[in-house]
Amino acid sequence: MFKRGNQASPSLLSFLVLVVVLGCLTLAVIDDGYRSDFARLAEILVSGYIGSLMPRLPS
């Protein structure tokens, strides 16, 4: 499941992103006062996940 090096396996990373996004959405439903903050956190998380999937340009 884990690989050597600094990169986690894509399936593990996908699972973690899904769990955190669902947690953020759950907290947003529960706490109306901080709904926009939880939505912003989920947006940043998904953006970072998509960015990590993009191939890197050679240096």
N, C-alpha and C. Protein backbone atom coordinates (compact mmCIF):
# COMPACT_ATOMS: atom_id res chain seq x y z
N MET A 1 0.82 -1.18 0.00
CA MET A 1 0.00 0.00 0.00
C MET A 1 0.87 1.26 0.00
N PHE A 2 1.93 1.29 0.76
CA PHE A 2 2.82 2.44 0.77
C PHE A 2 4.03 2.17 -0.11
N LYS A 3 4.48 3.20 -0.76
CA LYS A 3 5.68 3.10 -1.59
C LYS A 3 6.81 3.85 -0.91
N ARG A 4 8.01 3.48 -1.22
CA ARG A 4 9.14 4.22 -0.68
C ARG A 4 9.24 5.56 -1.37
N GLY A 5 9.71 6.54 -0.65
CA GLY A 5 9.83 7.88 -1.23
C GLY A 5 8.83 8.83 -0.60
N ASN A 6 8.68 9.96 -1.23
CA ASN A 6 7.84 11.01 -0.67
C ASN A 6 6.41 10.98 -1.17
N GLN A 7 6.09 10.13 -2.12
CA GLN A 7 4.75 10.15 -2.68
C GLN A 7 3.93 8.98 -2.15
N ALA A 8 2.71 9.28 -1.73
CA ALA A 8 1.78 8.24 -1.31
C ALA A 8 1.12 7.65 -2.54
N SER A 9 0.57 6.47 -2.39
CA SER A 9 -0.09 5.84 -3.53
C SER A 9 -1.34 6.66 -3.89
N PRO A 10 -1.68 6.71 -5.16
CA PRO A 10 -2.84 7.52 -5.58
C PRO A 10 -4.15 7.08 -4.91
N SER A 11 -4.32 5.79 -4.69
CA SER A 11 -5.57 5.34 -4.08
C SER A 11 -5.66 5.78 -2.62
N LEU A 12 -4.54 5.78 -1.90
CA LEU A 12 -4.54 6.24 -0.52
C LEU A 12 -4.82 7.74 -0.46
N LEU A 13 -4.19 8.48 -1.33
CA LEU A 13 -4.40 9.93 -1.37
C LEU A 13 -5.85 10.25 -1.74
N SER A 14 -6.41 9.53 -2.69
CA SER A 14 -7.82 9.74 -3.07
C SER A 14 -8.75 9.46 -1.90
N PHE A 15 -8.48 8.40 -1.17
CA PHE A 15 -9.31 8.04 -0.02
C PHE A 15 -9.23 9.13 1.06
N LEU A 16 -8.03 9.62 1.34
CA LEU A 16 -7.86 10.64 2.36
C LEU A 16 -8.56 11.94 1.96
N VAL A 17 -8.45 12.32 0.70
CA VAL A 17 -9.12 13.53 0.23
C VAL A 17 -10.62 13.38 0.35
N LEU A 18 -11.14 12.23 0.00
CA LEU A 18 -12.58 11.99 0.08
C LEU A 18 -13.06 12.08 1.53
N VAL A 19 -12.33 11.48 2.46
CA VAL A 19 -12.72 11.51 3.86
C VAL A 19 -12.70 12.93 4.41
N VAL A 20 -11.67 13.69 4.09
CA VAL A 20 -11.58 15.06 4.61
C VAL A 20 -12.64 15.96 4.00
N VAL A 21 -12.91 15.81 2.71
CA VAL A 21 -13.95 16.62 2.07
C VAL A 21 -15.32 16.29 2.66
N LEU A 22 -15.61 15.02 2.87
CA LEU A 22 -16.88 14.66 3.50
C LEU A 22 -16.97 15.19 4.92
N GLY A 23 -15.86 15.17 5.64
CA GLY A 23 -15.84 15.74 6.98
C GLY A 23 -16.10 17.23 6.96
N CYS A 24 -15.48 17.93 6.03
CA CYS A 24 -15.71 19.37 5.90
C CYS A 24 -17.17 19.68 5.57
N LEU A 25 -17.73 18.91 4.67
CA LEU A 25 -19.13 19.14 4.30
C LEU A 25 -20.07 18.83 5.46
N THR A 26 -19.75 17.80 6.23
CA THR A 26 -20.56 17.47 7.41
C THR A 26 -20.50 18.59 8.43
N LEU A 27 -19.30 19.10 8.69
CA LEU A 27 -19.17 20.20 9.63
C LEU A 27 -19.86 21.46 9.12
N ALA A 28 -19.85 21.67 7.81
CA ALA A 28 -20.53 22.83 7.24
C ALA A 28 -22.04 22.74 7.44
N VAL A 29 -22.58 21.54 7.38
CA VAL A 29 -24.03 21.36 7.60
C VAL A 29 -24.36 21.59 9.07
N ILE A 30 -23.48 21.13 9.96
CA ILE A 30 -23.75 21.24 11.39
C ILE A 30 -23.61 22.69 11.88
N ASP A 31 -22.56 23.37 11.46
CA ASP A 31 -22.24 24.70 11.97
C ASP A 31 -22.42 25.75 10.88
N ASP A 32 -23.54 26.43 10.92
CA ASP A 32 -23.86 27.43 9.89
C ASP A 32 -22.92 28.63 9.91
N GLY A 33 -22.39 28.97 11.08
CA GLY A 33 -21.56 30.16 11.21
C GLY A 33 -20.24 30.05 10.46
N TYR A 34 -19.73 28.85 10.32
CA TYR A 34 -18.43 28.65 9.67
C TYR A 34 -18.55 27.89 8.35
N ARG A 35 -19.72 27.89 7.77
CA ARG A 35 -19.97 27.14 6.54
C ARG A 35 -19.03 27.55 5.42
N SER A 36 -18.82 28.84 5.24
CA SER A 36 -17.95 29.31 4.15
C SER A 36 -16.50 28.90 4.40
N ASP A 37 -16.08 28.85 5.66
CA ASP A 37 -14.71 28.42 5.97
C ASP A 37 -14.50 26.95 5.64
N PHE A 38 -15.45 26.12 5.97
CA PHE A 38 -15.34 24.70 5.66
C PHE A 38 -15.38 24.46 4.15
N ALA A 39 -16.20 25.23 3.45
CA ALA A 39 -16.26 25.11 1.99
C ALA A 39 -14.93 25.53 1.37
N ARG A 40 -14.33 26.59 1.89
CA ARG A 40 -13.03 27.05 1.37
C ARG A 40 -11.95 26.01 1.64
N LEU A 41 -11.98 25.39 2.81
CA LEU A 41 -11.01 24.34 3.13
C LEU A 41 -11.15 23.16 2.18
N ALA A 42 -12.38 22.76 1.88
CA ALA A 42 -12.60 21.66 0.94
C ALA A 42 -12.13 22.05 -0.46
N GLU A 43 -12.34 23.30 -0.85
CA GLU A 43 -11.91 23.77 -2.16
C GLU A 43 -10.38 23.74 -2.29
N ILE A 44 -9.69 24.19 -1.25
CA ILE A 44 -8.22 24.18 -1.27
C ILE A 44 -7.70 22.75 -1.31
N LEU A 45 -8.33 21.87 -0.57
CA LEU A 45 -7.91 20.46 -0.53
C LEU A 45 -8.07 19.80 -1.90
N VAL A 46 -9.19 20.01 -2.54
CA VAL A 46 -9.42 19.41 -3.86
C VAL A 46 -8.48 20.02 -4.90
N SER A 47 -8.22 21.32 -4.80
CA SER A 47 -7.29 21.96 -5.73
C SER A 47 -5.88 21.40 -5.59
N GLY A 48 -5.45 21.21 -4.35
CA GLY A 48 -4.14 20.61 -4.12
C GLY A 48 -4.06 19.18 -4.61
N TYR A 49 -5.15 18.44 -4.45
CA TYR A 49 -5.18 17.06 -4.92
C TYR A 49 -5.08 17.00 -6.45
N ILE A 50 -5.82 17.85 -7.12
CA ILE A 50 -5.76 17.88 -8.58
C ILE A 50 -4.38 18.31 -9.05
N GLY A 51 -3.80 19.29 -8.36
CA GLY A 51 -2.45 19.73 -8.70
C GLY A 51 -1.41 18.64 -8.51
N SER A 52 -1.61 17.78 -7.52
CA SER A 52 -0.65 16.69 -7.29
C SER A 52 -0.76 15.60 -8.35
N LEU A 53 -1.88 15.54 -9.04
CA LEU A 53 -2.06 14.52 -10.09
C LEU A 53 -1.44 14.94 -11.42
N MET A 54 -1.22 16.25 -11.59
CA MET A 54 -0.64 16.73 -12.83
C MET A 54 0.82 16.32 -12.93
N PRO A 55 1.24 15.90 -14.11
CA PRO A 55 2.66 15.53 -14.26
C PRO A 55 3.55 16.76 -14.14
N ARG A 56 4.72 16.55 -13.60
CA ARG A 56 5.67 17.65 -13.44
C ARG A 56 6.47 17.84 -14.71
N LEU A 57 6.79 19.09 -14.98
CA LEU A 57 7.62 19.40 -16.14
C LEU A 57 9.08 19.08 -15.82
N PRO A 58 9.80 18.58 -16.80
CA PRO A 58 11.22 18.30 -16.54
C PRO A 58 11.99 19.60 -16.30
N SER A 59 12.95 19.55 -15.40
CA SER A 59 13.73 20.76 -15.05
C SER A 59 14.79 21.04 -16.09
